[in-house]
């Protein structure tokens, strides 16, 4: 059974790029994409993905607001936030909102894939 990933980002180009990268990994499939936090929450509740890749800056509901709600409704689903605005303060705020990993959009593809693999490892 594949690992299902939900991508939540307001940029169609970023969503498509992430989809291509993630679906190149054996056993991974993007189950859906969402253009804002509210849509991401709705799709996450419907599809119950194994991991959610979440942007910070989005219209309607930003990544921090979405992370708080996703953590409340799907506490076992790990959240990885990708952002262009990575700072120590943002990292702390994101972790407090339930995000498990914060990455910069300028980080390497390998770093993104490795971070998702770590999030998918069973908690011992």
PDB file of N, CA and C in Angstrom:
ATOM      1  N   UNK A   1       0.849  -1.186   0.000  1.00  0.00           N
ATOM      2  CA  UNK A   1       0.000   0.000   0.000  1.00  0.00           C
ATOM      3  C   UNK A   1       0.892   1.245   0.000  1.00  0.00           C
ATOM      4  N   UNK A   2       0.624   2.197  -0.880  1.00  0.00           N
ATOM      5  CA  UNK A   2       1.498   3.376  -0.942  1.00  0.00           C
ATOM      6  C   UNK A   2       1.339   4.291   0.273  1.00  0.00           C
ATOM      7  N   UNK A   3       2.332   5.129   0.456  1.00  0.00           N
ATOM      8  CA  UNK A   3       2.279   6.196   1.444  1.00  0.00           C
ATOM      9  C   UNK A   3       1.602   7.377   0.767  1.00  0.00           C
ATOM     10  N   UNK A   4       0.522   7.874   1.374  1.00  0.00           N
ATOM     11  CA  UNK A   4      -0.227   8.970   0.767  1.00  0.00           C
ATOM     12  C   UNK A   4       0.180  10.309   1.369  1.00  0.00           C
ATOM     13  N   UNK A   5       0.428  11.266   0.483  1.00  0.00           N
ATOM     14  CA  UNK A   5       0.892  12.593   0.874  1.00  0.00           C
ATOM     15  C   UNK A   5      -0.088  13.639   0.347  1.00  0.00           C
ATOM     16  N   UNK A   6      -0.459  14.563   1.210  1.00  0.00           N
ATOM     17  CA  UNK A   6      -1.299  15.707   0.837  1.00  0.00           C
ATOM     18  C   UNK A   6      -0.388  16.928   0.738  1.00  0.00           C
ATOM     19  N   UNK A   7      -0.479  17.652  -0.374  1.00  0.00           N
ATOM     20  CA  UNK A   7       0.299  18.877  -0.582  1.00  0.00           C
ATOM     21  C   UNK A   7      -0.640  20.066  -0.451  1.00  0.00           C
ATOM     22  N   UNK A   8      -0.284  21.014   0.438  1.00  0.00           N
ATOM     23  CA  UNK A   8      -1.100  22.210   0.647  1.00  0.00           C
ATOM     24  C   UNK A   8      -0.207  23.427   0.393  1.00  0.00           C
ATOM     25  N   UNK A   9      -0.434  24.096  -0.745  1.00  0.00           N
ATOM     26  CA  UNK A   9       0.365  25.259  -1.133  1.00  0.00           C
ATOM     27  C   UNK A   9      -0.463  26.077  -2.114  1.00  0.00           C
ATOM     28  N   UNK A  10      -0.422  27.396  -1.998  1.00  0.00           N
ATOM     29  CA  UNK A  10      -1.231  28.228  -2.889  1.00  0.00           C
ATOM     30  C   UNK A  10      -0.645  28.343  -4.290  1.00  0.00           C
ATOM     31  N   UNK A  11       0.596  27.920  -4.486  1.00  0.00           N
ATOM     32  CA  UNK A  11       1.219  28.005  -5.807  1.00  0.00           C
ATOM     33  C   UNK A  11       1.033  26.688  -6.570  1.00  0.00           C
ATOM     34  N   UNK A  12       0.346  26.763  -7.709  1.00  0.00           N
ATOM     35  CA  UNK A  12       0.152  25.576  -8.543  1.00  0.00           C
ATOM     36  C   UNK A  12       1.491  25.031  -9.030  1.00  0.00           C
ATOM     37  N   UNK A  13       2.446  25.911  -9.297  1.00  0.00           N
ATOM     38  CA  UNK A  13       3.766  25.482  -9.769  1.00  0.00           C
ATOM     39  C   UNK A  13       4.475  24.685  -8.673  1.00  0.00           C
ATOM     40  N   UNK A  14       4.428  25.182  -7.449  1.00  0.00           N
ATOM     41  CA  UNK A  14       5.078  24.464  -6.331  1.00  0.00           C
ATOM     42  C   UNK A  14       4.377  23.123  -6.099  1.00  0.00           C
ATOM     43  N   UNK A  15       3.047  23.118  -6.132  1.00  0.00           N
ATOM     44  CA  UNK A  15       2.319  21.844  -5.936  1.00  0.00           C
ATOM     45  C   UNK A  15       2.726  20.821  -6.982  1.00  0.00           C
ATOM     46  N   UNK A  16       2.792  21.247  -8.242  1.00  0.00           N
ATOM     47  CA  UNK A  16       3.154  20.325  -9.320  1.00  0.00           C
ATOM     48  C   UNK A  16       4.596  19.843  -9.167  1.00  0.00           C
ATOM     49  N   UNK A  17       5.495  20.746  -8.810  1.00  0.00           N
ATOM     50  CA  UNK A  17       6.897  20.370  -8.603  1.00  0.00           C
ATOM     51  C   UNK A  17       7.018  19.368  -7.465  1.00  0.00           C
ATOM     52  N   UNK A  18       6.347  19.644  -6.354  1.00  0.00           N
ATOM     53  CA  UNK A  18       6.381  18.710  -5.217  1.00  0.00           C
ATOM     54  C   UNK A  18       5.795  17.358  -5.609  1.00  0.00           C
ATOM     55  N   UNK A  19       4.688  17.382  -6.330  1.00  0.00           N
ATOM     56  CA  UNK A  19       4.065  16.121  -6.769  1.00  0.00           C
ATOM     57  C   UNK A  19       5.071  15.294  -7.580  1.00  0.00           C
ATOM     58  N   UNK A  20       5.740  15.930  -8.535  1.00  0.00           N
ATOM     59  CA  UNK A  20       6.699  15.206  -9.375  1.00  0.00           C
ATOM     60  C   UNK A  20       7.836  14.627  -8.542  1.00  0.00           C
ATOM     61  N   UNK A  21       8.363  15.411  -7.613  1.00  0.00           N
ATOM     62  CA  UNK A  21       9.465  14.953  -6.757  1.00  0.00           C
ATOM     63  C   UNK A  21       9.015  13.785  -5.890  1.00  0.00           C
ATOM     64  N   UNK A  22       7.891  13.945  -5.233  1.00  0.00           N
ATOM     65  CA  UNK A  22       7.445  12.936  -4.269  1.00  0.00           C
ATOM     66  C   UNK A  22       7.012  11.648  -4.944  1.00  0.00           C
ATOM     67  N   UNK A  23       6.385  11.760  -6.098  1.00  0.00           N
ATOM     68  CA  UNK A  23       5.907  10.546  -6.757  1.00  0.00           C
ATOM     69  C   UNK A  23       7.035   9.768  -7.442  1.00  0.00           C
ATOM     70  N   UNK A  24       8.239  10.359  -7.511  1.00  0.00           N
ATOM     71  CA  UNK A  24       9.408   9.625  -8.008  1.00  0.00           C
ATOM     72  C   UNK A  24       9.934   8.653  -6.955  1.00  0.00           C
ATOM     73  N   UNK A  25       9.523   8.853  -5.717  1.00  0.00           N
ATOM     74  CA  UNK A  25       9.968   7.979  -4.629  1.00  0.00           C
ATOM     75  C   UNK A  25       9.139   6.700  -4.666  1.00  0.00           C
ATOM     76  N   UNK A  26       9.778   5.580  -4.560  1.00  0.00           N
ATOM     77  CA  UNK A  26       9.053   4.313  -4.592  1.00  0.00           C
ATOM     78  C   UNK A  26       8.051   4.212  -3.452  1.00  0.00           C
ATOM     79  N   UNK A  27       6.812   3.924  -3.787  1.00  0.00           N
ATOM     80  CA  UNK A  27       5.800   3.707  -2.760  1.00  0.00           C
ATOM     81  C   UNK A  27       5.106   4.956  -2.252  1.00  0.00           C
ATOM     82  N   UNK A  28       5.439   6.114  -2.798  1.00  0.00           N
ATOM     83  CA  UNK A  28       4.781   7.350  -2.379  1.00  0.00           C
ATOM     84  C   UNK A  28       3.809   7.808  -3.446  1.00  0.00           C
ATOM     85  N   UNK A  29       2.652   8.318  -3.019  1.00  0.00           N
ATOM     86  CA  UNK A  29       1.655   8.857  -3.950  1.00  0.00           C
ATOM     87  C   UNK A  29       1.048  10.111  -3.352  1.00  0.00           C
ATOM     88  N   UNK A  30       0.868  11.140  -4.174  1.00  0.00           N
ATOM     89  CA  UNK A  30       0.172  12.345  -3.725  1.00  0.00           C
ATOM     90  C   UNK A  30      -1.322  12.054  -3.855  1.00  0.00           C
ATOM     91  N   UNK A  31      -2.023  12.034  -2.717  1.00  0.00           N
ATOM     92  CA  UNK A  31      -3.454  11.698  -2.739  1.00  0.00           C
ATOM     93  C   UNK A  31      -4.306  12.897  -3.108  1.00  0.00           C
ATOM     94  N   UNK A  32      -3.777  14.117  -2.890  1.00  0.00           N
ATOM     95  CA  UNK A  32      -4.539  15.321  -3.229  1.00  0.00           C
ATOM     96  C   UNK A  32      -3.638  16.539  -3.076  1.00  0.00           C
ATOM     97  N   UNK A  33      -4.135  17.645  -3.631  1.00  0.00           N
ATOM     98  CA  UNK A  33      -3.497  18.944  -3.484  1.00  0.00           C
ATOM     99  C   UNK A  33      -4.562  19.926  -3.015  1.00  0.00           C
ATOM    100  N   UNK A  34      -4.121  20.926  -2.258  1.00  0.00           N
ATOM    101  CA  UNK A  34      -5.029  21.976  -1.805  1.00  0.00           C
ATOM    102  C   UNK A  34      -4.323  23.317  -1.951  1.00  0.00           C
ATOM    103  N   UNK A  35      -5.098  24.373  -2.261  1.00  0.00           N
ATOM    104  CA  UNK A  35      -4.521  25.691  -2.530  1.00  0.00           C
ATOM    105  C   UNK A  35      -4.526  26.624  -1.323  1.00  0.00           C
ATOM    106  N   UNK A  36      -5.155  26.213  -0.218  1.00  0.00           N
ATOM    107  CA  UNK A  36      -5.129  27.019   1.004  1.00  0.00           C
ATOM    108  C   UNK A  36      -5.364  26.111   2.203  1.00  0.00           C
ATOM    109  N   UNK A  37      -5.148  26.665   3.387  1.00  0.00           N
ATOM    110  CA  UNK A  37      -5.254  25.866   4.601  1.00  0.00           C
ATOM    111  C   UNK A  37      -6.622  25.257   4.827  1.00  0.00           C
ATOM    112  N   UNK A  38      -7.671  26.004   4.564  1.00  0.00           N
ATOM    113  CA  UNK A  38      -9.029  25.483   4.786  1.00  0.00           C
ATOM    114  C   UNK A  38      -9.306  24.280   3.879  1.00  0.00           C
ATOM    115  N   UNK A  39      -8.958  24.408   2.603  1.00  0.00           N
ATOM    116  CA  UNK A  39      -9.132  23.294   1.671  1.00  0.00           C
ATOM    117  C   UNK A  39      -8.257  22.104   2.092  1.00  0.00           C
ATOM    118  N   UNK A  40      -7.065  22.399   2.592  1.00  0.00           N
ATOM    119  CA  UNK A  40      -6.172  21.346   3.066  1.00  0.00           C
ATOM    120  C   UNK A  40      -6.776  20.559   4.215  1.00  0.00           C
ATOM    121  N   UNK A  41      -7.405  21.252   5.146  1.00  0.00           N
ATOM    122  CA  UNK A  41      -8.054  20.585   6.281  1.00  0.00           C
ATOM    123  C   UNK A  41      -9.187  19.697   5.787  1.00  0.00           C
ATOM    124  N   UNK A  42      -9.999  20.209   4.874  1.00  0.00           N
ATOM    125  CA  UNK A  42     -11.120  19.417   4.337  1.00  0.00           C
ATOM    126  C   UNK A  42     -10.613  18.154   3.659  1.00  0.00           C
ATOM    127  N   UNK A  43      -9.599  18.291   2.815  1.00  0.00           N
ATOM    128  CA  UNK A  43      -9.066  17.116   2.106  1.00  0.00           C
ATOM    129  C   UNK A  43      -8.393  16.144   3.065  1.00  0.00           C
ATOM    130  N   UNK A  44      -7.704  16.669   4.066  1.00  0.00           N
ATOM    131  CA  UNK A  44      -7.043  15.793   5.046  1.00  0.00           C
ATOM    132  C   UNK A  44      -8.080  14.966   5.813  1.00  0.00           C
ATOM    133  N   UNK A  45      -9.184  15.598   6.195  1.00  0.00           N
ATOM    134  CA  UNK A  45     -10.226  14.871   6.926  1.00  0.00           C
ATOM    135  C   UNK A  45     -10.868  13.801   6.043  1.00  0.00           C
ATOM    136  N   UNK A  46     -11.047  14.095   4.768  1.00  0.00           N
ATOM    137  CA  UNK A  46     -11.648  13.122   3.843  1.00  0.00           C
ATOM    138  C   UNK A  46     -10.704  11.963   3.545  1.00  0.00           C
ATOM    139  N   UNK A  47      -9.432  12.270   3.297  1.00  0.00           N
ATOM    140  CA  UNK A  47      -8.500  11.288   2.744  1.00  0.00           C
ATOM    141  C   UNK A  47      -7.578  10.633   3.762  1.00  0.00           C
ATOM    142  N   UNK A  48      -7.397  11.253   4.924  1.00  0.00           N
ATOM    143  CA  UNK A  48      -6.516  10.732   5.977  1.00  0.00           C
ATOM    144  C   UNK A  48      -5.133  10.347   5.419  1.00  0.00           C
ATOM    145  N   UNK A  49      -4.383  11.343   4.913  1.00  0.00           N
ATOM    146  CA  UNK A  49      -3.055  11.047   4.344  1.00  0.00           C
ATOM    147  C   UNK A  49      -2.087  10.580   5.429  1.00  0.00           C
ATOM    148  N   UNK A  50      -0.963  10.034   4.990  1.00  0.00           N
ATOM    149  CA  UNK A  50       0.074   9.581   5.922  1.00  0.00           C
ATOM    150  C   UNK A  50       0.967  10.728   6.369  1.00  0.00           C
ATOM    151  N   UNK A  51       1.073  11.763   5.544  1.00  0.00           N
ATOM    152  CA  UNK A  51       1.867  12.950   5.872  1.00  0.00           C
ATOM    153  C   UNK A  51       1.300  14.125   5.076  1.00  0.00           C
ATOM    154  N   UNK A  52       1.445  15.335   5.645  1.00  0.00           N
ATOM    155  CA  UNK A  52       0.967  16.548   4.973  1.00  0.00           C
ATOM    156  C   UNK A  52       2.139  17.510   4.825  1.00  0.00           C
ATOM    157  N   UNK A  53       2.359  17.963   3.582  1.00  0.00           N
ATOM    158  CA  UNK A  53       3.367  18.983   3.291  1.00  0.00           C
ATOM    159  C   UNK A  53       2.613  20.295   3.146  1.00  0.00           C
ATOM    160  N   UNK A  54       2.956  21.264   4.001  1.00  0.00           N
ATOM    161  CA  UNK A  54       2.147  22.458   4.194  1.00  0.00           C
ATOM    162  C   UNK A  54       2.979  23.717   3.986  1.00  0.00           C
ATOM    163  N   UNK A  55       2.470  24.641   3.181  1.00  0.00           N
ATOM    164  CA  UNK A  55       3.111  25.944   2.990  1.00  0.00           C
ATOM    165  C   UNK A  55       2.726  26.849   4.163  1.00  0.00           C
ATOM    166  N   UNK A  56       3.511  27.880   4.402  1.00  0.00           N
ATOM    167  CA  UNK A  56       3.181  28.851   5.453  1.00  0.00           C
ATOM    168  C   UNK A  56       2.248  29.931   4.930  1.00  0.00           C
ATOM    169  N   UNK A  57       2.668  30.649   3.902  1.00  0.00           N
ATOM    170  CA  UNK A  57       1.932  31.828   3.429  1.00  0.00           C
ATOM    171  C   UNK A  57       0.911  31.425   2.378  1.00  0.00           C
ATOM    172  N   UNK A  58      -0.356  31.423   2.779  1.00  0.00           N
ATOM    173  CA  UNK A  58      -1.446  31.071   1.863  1.00  0.00           C
ATOM    174  C   UNK A  58      -2.651  31.952   2.160  1.00  0.00           C
ATOM    175  N   UNK A  59      -3.505  32.167   1.153  1.00  0.00           N
ATOM    176  CA  UNK A  59      -4.735  32.930   1.394  1.00  0.00           C
ATOM    177  C   UNK A  59      -5.743  32.083   2.181  1.00  0.00           C
ATOM    178  N   UNK A  60      -6.803  32.698   2.620  1.00  0.00           N
ATOM    179  CA  UNK A  60      -7.928  32.093   3.345  1.00  0.00           C
ATOM    180  C   UNK A  60      -7.505  31.633   4.733  1.00  0.00           C
ATOM    181  N   UNK A  61      -6.559  30.698   4.818  1.00  0.00           N
ATOM    182  CA  UNK A  61      -6.050  30.223   6.108  1.00  0.00           C
ATOM    183  C   UNK A  61      -4.577  29.867   5.914  1.00  0.00           C
ATOM    184  N   UNK A  62      -3.697  30.503   6.695  1.00  0.00           N
ATOM    185  CA  UNK A  62      -2.267  30.256   6.501  1.00  0.00           C
ATOM    186  C   UNK A  62      -1.843  28.911   7.108  1.00  0.00           C
ATOM    187  N   UNK A  63      -0.596  28.554   6.887  1.00  0.00           N
ATOM    188  CA  UNK A  63      -0.092  27.260   7.332  1.00  0.00           C
ATOM    189  C   UNK A  63      -0.109  27.066   8.832  1.00  0.00           C
ATOM    190  N   UNK A  64       0.150  28.124   9.595  1.00  0.00           N
ATOM    191  CA  UNK A  64       0.128  27.983  11.059  1.00  0.00           C
ATOM    192  C   UNK A  64      -1.291  27.714  11.556  1.00  0.00           C
ATOM    193  N   UNK A  65      -2.254  28.464  11.031  1.00  0.00           N
ATOM    194  CA  UNK A  65      -3.658  28.239  11.422  1.00  0.00           C
ATOM    195  C   UNK A  65      -4.100  26.831  11.021  1.00  0.00           C
ATOM    196  N   UNK A  66      -3.736  26.426   9.809  1.00  0.00           N
ATOM    197  CA  UNK A  66      -4.098  25.090   9.338  1.00  0.00           C
ATOM    198  C   UNK A  66      -3.430  24.017  10.193  1.00  0.00           C
ATOM    199  N   UNK A  67      -2.164  24.226  10.560  1.00  0.00           N
ATOM    200  CA  UNK A  67      -1.447  23.244  11.379  1.00  0.00           C
ATOM    201  C   UNK A  67      -2.128  23.043  12.724  1.00  0.00           C
ATOM    202  N   UNK A  68      -2.571  24.138  13.343  1.00  0.00           N
ATOM    203  CA  UNK A  68      -3.259  24.011  14.639  1.00  0.00           C
ATOM    204  C   UNK A  68      -4.519  23.161  14.508  1.00  0.00           C
ATOM    205  N   UNK A  69      -5.292  23.417  13.450  1.00  0.00           N
ATOM    206  CA  UNK A  69      -6.534  22.679  13.246  1.00  0.00           C
ATOM    207  C   UNK A  69      -6.248  21.224  12.846  1.00  0.00           C
ATOM    208  N   UNK A  70      -5.282  21.007  11.963  1.00  0.00           N
ATOM    209  CA  UNK A  70      -4.936  19.642  11.555  1.00  0.00           C
ATOM    210  C   UNK A  70      -4.440  18.823  12.740  1.00  0.00           C
ATOM    211  N   UNK A  71      -3.660  19.433  13.604  1.00  0.00           N
ATOM    212  CA  UNK A  71      -3.159  18.740  14.789  1.00  0.00           C
ATOM    213  C   UNK A  71      -4.316  18.364  15.710  1.00  0.00           C
ATOM    214  N   UNK A  72      -5.334  19.208  15.761  1.00  0.00           N
ATOM    215  CA  UNK A  72      -6.501  18.923  16.597  1.00  0.00           C
ATOM    216  C   UNK A  72      -7.331  17.782  16.017  1.00  0.00           C
ATOM    217  N   UNK A  73      -7.585  17.796  14.707  1.00  0.00           N
ATOM    218  CA  UNK A  73      -8.496  16.811  14.109  1.00  0.00           C
ATOM    219  C   UNK A  73      -7.797  15.529  13.660  1.00  0.00           C
ATOM    220  N   UNK A  74      -6.508  15.603  13.333  1.00  0.00           N
ATOM    221  CA  UNK A  74      -5.743  14.424  12.895  1.00  0.00           C
ATOM    222  C   UNK A  74      -4.389  14.415  13.614  1.00  0.00           C
ATOM    223  N   UNK A  75      -4.392  14.214  14.915  1.00  0.00           N
ATOM    224  CA  UNK A  75      -3.152  14.361  15.688  1.00  0.00           C
ATOM    225  C   UNK A  75      -2.034  13.393  15.319  1.00  0.00           C
ATOM    226  N   UNK A  76      -2.350  12.286  14.686  1.00  0.00           N
ATOM    227  CA  UNK A  76      -1.318  11.296  14.334  1.00  0.00           C
ATOM    228  C   UNK A  76      -0.669  11.542  12.984  1.00  0.00           C
ATOM    229  N   UNK A  77      -1.208  12.474  12.197  1.00  0.00           N
ATOM    230  CA  UNK A  77      -0.656  12.736  10.865  1.00  0.00           C
ATOM    231  C   UNK A  77       0.464  13.774  10.990  1.00  0.00           C
ATOM    232  N   UNK A  78       1.701  13.404  10.625  1.00  0.00           N
ATOM    233  CA  UNK A  78       2.802  14.363  10.740  1.00  0.00           C
ATOM    234  C   UNK A  78       2.697  15.483   9.705  1.00  0.00           C
ATOM    235  N   UNK A  79       3.079  16.675  10.142  1.00  0.00           N
ATOM    236  CA  UNK A  79       3.051  17.864   9.294  1.00  0.00           C
ATOM    237  C   UNK A  79       4.477  18.338   9.032  1.00  0.00           C
ATOM    238  N   UNK A  80       4.772  18.616   7.758  1.00  0.00           N
ATOM    239  CA  UNK A  80       6.045  19.189   7.364  1.00  0.00           C
ATOM    240  C   UNK A  80       5.733  20.532   6.712  1.00  0.00           C
ATOM    241  N   UNK A  81       6.290  21.604   7.266  1.00  0.00           N
ATOM    242  CA  UNK A  81       6.046  22.935   6.704  1.00  0.00           C
ATOM    243  C   UNK A  81       7.220  23.348   5.838  1.00  0.00           C
ATOM    244  N   UNK A  82       6.906  23.803   4.622  1.00  0.00           N
ATOM    245  CA  UNK A  82       7.923  24.371   3.734  1.00  0.00           C
ATOM    246  C   UNK A  82       7.602  25.855   3.571  1.00  0.00           C
ATOM    247  N   UNK A  83       8.628  26.689   3.696  1.00  0.00           N
ATOM    248  CA  UNK A  83       8.394  28.124   3.655  1.00  0.00           C
ATOM    249  C   UNK A  83       9.591  28.861   3.073  1.00  0.00           C
ATOM    250  N   UNK A  84       9.315  30.017   2.528  1.00  0.00           N
ATOM    251  CA  UNK A  84      10.383  30.902   2.064  1.00  0.00           C
ATOM    252  C   UNK A  84      10.833  31.827   3.191  1.00  0.00           C
ATOM    253  N   UNK A  85      10.111  31.802   4.304  1.00  0.00           N
ATOM    254  CA  UNK A  85      10.319  32.776   5.391  1.00  0.00           C
ATOM    255  C   UNK A  85      10.853  32.123   6.655  1.00  0.00           C
ATOM    256  N   UNK A  86      11.773  31.192   6.540  1.00  0.00           N
ATOM    257  CA  UNK A  86      12.234  30.451   7.704  1.00  0.00           C
ATOM    258  C   UNK A  86      13.065  31.331   8.634  1.00  0.00           C
ATOM    259  N   UNK A  87      12.620  31.429   9.893  1.00  0.00           N
ATOM    260  CA  UNK A  87      13.354  32.117  10.960  1.00  0.00           C
ATOM    261  C   UNK A  87      13.235  31.260  12.215  1.00  0.00           C
ATOM    262  N   UNK A  88      14.058  31.542  13.200  1.00  0.00           N
ATOM    263  CA  UNK A  88      13.990  30.802  14.461  1.00  0.00           C
ATOM    264  C   UNK A  88      12.627  30.998  15.115  1.00  0.00           C
ATOM    265  N   UNK A  89      12.101  32.227  15.057  1.00  0.00           N
ATOM    266  CA  UNK A  89      10.788  32.497  15.653  1.00  0.00           C
ATOM    267  C   UNK A  89       9.686  31.719  14.940  1.00  0.00           C
ATOM    268  N   UNK A  90       9.715  31.720  13.609  1.00  0.00           N
ATOM    269  CA  UNK A  90       8.711  30.975  12.850  1.00  0.00           C
ATOM    270  C   UNK A  90       8.812  29.485  13.158  1.00  0.00           C
ATOM    271  N   UNK A  91      10.040  28.964  13.199  1.00  0.00           N
ATOM    272  CA  UNK A  91      10.236  27.544  13.494  1.00  0.00           C
ATOM    273  C   UNK A  91       9.574  27.203  14.834  1.00  0.00           C
ATOM    274  N   UNK A  92       9.813  28.029  15.853  1.00  0.00           N
ATOM    275  CA  UNK A  92       9.236  27.768  17.171  1.00  0.00           C
ATOM    276  C   UNK A  92       7.710  27.853  17.128  1.00  0.00           C
ATOM    277  N   UNK A  93       7.188  28.842  16.427  1.00  0.00           N
ATOM    278  CA  UNK A  93       5.737  28.993  16.309  1.00  0.00           C
ATOM    279  C   UNK A  93       5.120  27.802  15.580  1.00  0.00           C
ATOM    280  N   UNK A  94       5.778  27.335  14.527  1.00  0.00           N
ATOM    281  CA  UNK A  94       5.280  26.189  13.761  1.00  0.00           C
ATOM    282  C   UNK A  94       5.297  24.925  14.613  1.00  0.00           C
ATOM    283  N   UNK A  95       6.377  24.697  15.349  1.00  0.00           N
ATOM    284  CA  UNK A  95       6.459  23.518  16.211  1.00  0.00           C
ATOM    285  C   UNK A  95       5.378  23.578  17.289  1.00  0.00           C
ATOM    286  N   UNK A  96       5.123  24.759  17.821  1.00  0.00           N
ATOM    287  CA  UNK A  96       4.062  24.924  18.819  1.00  0.00           C
ATOM    288  C   UNK A  96       2.680  24.648  18.228  1.00  0.00           C
ATOM    289  N   UNK A  97       2.532  24.889  16.914  1.00  0.00           N
ATOM    290  CA  UNK A  97       1.250  24.664  16.236  1.00  0.00           C
ATOM    291  C   UNK A  97       1.049  23.192  15.860  1.00  0.00           C
ATOM    292  N   UNK A  98       2.077  22.358  16.065  1.00  0.00           N
ATOM    293  CA  UNK A  98       1.938  20.942  15.760  1.00  0.00           C
ATOM    294  C   UNK A  98       2.750  20.456  14.575  1.00  0.00           C
ATOM    295  N   UNK A  99       3.449  21.375  13.900  1.00  0.00           N
ATOM    296  CA  UNK A  99       4.314  20.985  12.781  1.00  0.00           C
ATOM    297  C   UNK A  99       5.507  20.228  13.369  1.00  0.00           C
ATOM    298  N   UNK A 100       5.883  19.128  12.743  1.00  0.00           N
ATOM    299  CA  UNK A 100       7.014  18.342  13.254  1.00  0.00           C
ATOM    300  C   UNK A 100       8.340  18.745  12.628  1.00  0.00           C
ATOM    301  N   UNK A 101       8.310  19.223  11.379  1.00  0.00           N
ATOM    302  CA  UNK A 101       9.535  19.625  10.685  1.00  0.00           C
ATOM    303  C   UNK A 101       9.261  20.893   9.889  1.00  0.00           C
ATOM    304  N   UNK A 102      10.204  21.849   9.957  1.00  0.00           N
ATOM    305  CA  UNK A 102      10.111  23.079   9.169  1.00  0.00           C
ATOM    306  C   UNK A 102      11.307  23.106   8.234  1.00  0.00           C
ATOM    307  N   UNK A 103      11.034  23.341   6.957  1.00  0.00           N
ATOM    308  CA  UNK A 103      12.089  23.396   5.947  1.00  0.00           C
ATOM    309  C   UNK A 103      11.949  24.656   5.115  1.00  0.00           C
ATOM    310  N   UNK A 104      13.068  25.095   4.574  1.00  0.00           N
ATOM    311  CA  UNK A 104      13.061  26.209   3.641  1.00  0.00           C
ATOM    312  C   UNK A 104      12.771  25.680   2.237  1.00  0.00           C
ATOM    313  N   UNK A 105      12.064  26.468   1.442  1.00  0.00           N
ATOM    314  CA  UNK A 105      11.811  26.073   0.056  1.00  0.00           C
ATOM    315  C   UNK A 105      13.105  26.008  -0.747  1.00  0.00           C
ATOM    316  N   UNK A 106      14.177  26.576  -0.215  1.00  0.00           N
ATOM    317  CA  UNK A 106      15.468  26.518  -0.906  1.00  0.00           C
ATOM    318  C   UNK A 106      16.285  25.286  -0.509  1.00  0.00           C
ATOM    319  N   UNK A 107      15.800  24.482   0.451  1.00  0.00           N
ATOM    320  CA  UNK A 107      16.502  23.257   0.818  1.00  0.00           C
ATOM    321  C   UNK A 107      16.493  22.285  -0.362  1.00  0.00           C
ATOM    322  N   UNK A 108      17.395  21.335  -0.338  1.00  0.00           N
ATOM    323  CA  UNK A 108      17.526  20.392  -1.449  1.00  0.00           C
ATOM    324  C   UNK A 108      16.359  19.403  -1.492  1.00  0.00           C
ATOM    325  N   UNK A 109      16.182  18.826  -2.665  1.00  0.00           N
ATOM    326  CA  UNK A 109      15.174  17.779  -2.846  1.00  0.00           C
ATOM    327  C   UNK A 109      15.491  16.617  -1.914  1.00  0.00           C
ATOM    328  N   UNK A 110      16.767  16.261  -1.800  1.00  0.00           N
ATOM    329  CA  UNK A 110      17.175  15.152  -0.926  1.00  0.00           C
ATOM    330  C   UNK A 110      16.790  15.431   0.522  1.00  0.00           C
ATOM    331  N   UNK A 111      16.965  16.681   0.963  1.00  0.00           N
ATOM    332  CA  UNK A 111      16.604  17.038   2.337  1.00  0.00           C
ATOM    333  C   UNK A 111      15.101  16.892   2.558  1.00  0.00           C
ATOM    334  N   UNK A 112      14.312  17.299   1.570  1.00  0.00           N
ATOM    335  CA  UNK A 112      12.859  17.159   1.669  1.00  0.00           C
ATOM    336  C   UNK A 112      12.465  15.686   1.763  1.00  0.00           C
ATOM    337  N   UNK A 113      12.997  14.879   0.871  1.00  0.00           N
ATOM    338  CA  UNK A 113      12.675  13.447   0.862  1.00  0.00           C
ATOM    339  C   UNK A 113      13.108  12.803   2.179  1.00  0.00           C
ATOM    340  N   UNK A 114      14.320  13.115   2.634  1.00  0.00           N
ATOM    341  CA  UNK A 114      14.806  12.550   3.897  1.00  0.00           C
ATOM    342  C   UNK A 114      13.934  12.959   5.071  1.00  0.00           C
ATOM    343  N   UNK A 115      13.493  14.210   5.085  1.00  0.00           N
ATOM    344  CA  UNK A 115      12.642  14.677   6.188  1.00  0.00           C
ATOM    345  C   UNK A 115      11.312  13.929   6.207  1.00  0.00           C
ATOM    346  N   UNK A 116      10.749  13.697   5.048  1.00  0.00           N
ATOM    347  CA  UNK A 116       9.484  12.948   4.980  1.00  0.00           C
ATOM    348  C   UNK A 116       9.708  11.501   5.424  1.00  0.00           C
ATOM    349  N   UNK A 117      10.814  10.900   5.007  1.00  0.00           N
ATOM    350  CA  UNK A 117      11.120   9.527   5.440  1.00  0.00           C
ATOM    351  C   UNK A 117      11.217   9.441   6.956  1.00  0.00           C
ATOM    352  N   UNK A 118      11.860  10.422   7.576  1.00  0.00           N
ATOM    353  CA  UNK A 118      11.977  10.443   9.037  1.00  0.00           C
ATOM    354  C   UNK A 118      10.597  10.567   9.681  1.00  0.00           C
ATOM    355  N   UNK A 119       9.761  11.434   9.132  1.00  0.00           N
ATOM    356  CA  UNK A 119       8.416  11.605   9.684  1.00  0.00           C
ATOM    357  C   UNK A 119       7.584  10.321   9.583  1.00  0.00           C
ATOM    358  N   UNK A 120       7.847   9.515   8.574  1.00  0.00           N
ATOM    359  CA  UNK A 120       7.078   8.296   8.365  1.00  0.00           C
ATOM    360  C   UNK A 120       7.575   7.112   9.184  1.00  0.00           C
ATOM    361  N   UNK A 121       8.756   7.247   9.801  1.00  0.00           N
ATOM    362  CA  UNK A 121       9.274   6.150  10.609  1.00  0.00           C
ATOM    363  C   UNK A 121       8.401   5.948  11.834  1.00  0.00           C
ATOM    364  N   UNK A 122       8.160   4.678  12.186  1.00  0.00           N
ATOM    365  CA  UNK A 122       7.340   4.415  13.375  1.00  0.00           C
ATOM    366  C   UNK A 122       7.989   4.991  14.624  1.00  0.00           C
ATOM    367  N   UNK A 123       7.167   5.549  15.482  1.00  0.00           N
ATOM    368  CA  UNK A 123       7.665   6.102  16.747  1.00  0.00           C
ATOM    369  C   UNK A 123       7.914   4.946  17.698  1.00  0.00           C
ATOM    370  N   UNK A 124       9.114   4.901  18.251  1.00  0.00           N
ATOM    371  CA  UNK A 124       9.411   3.780  19.151  1.00  0.00           C
ATOM    372  C   UNK A 124       9.289   4.179  20.607  1.00  0.00           C
TER     373      UNK A 124
END
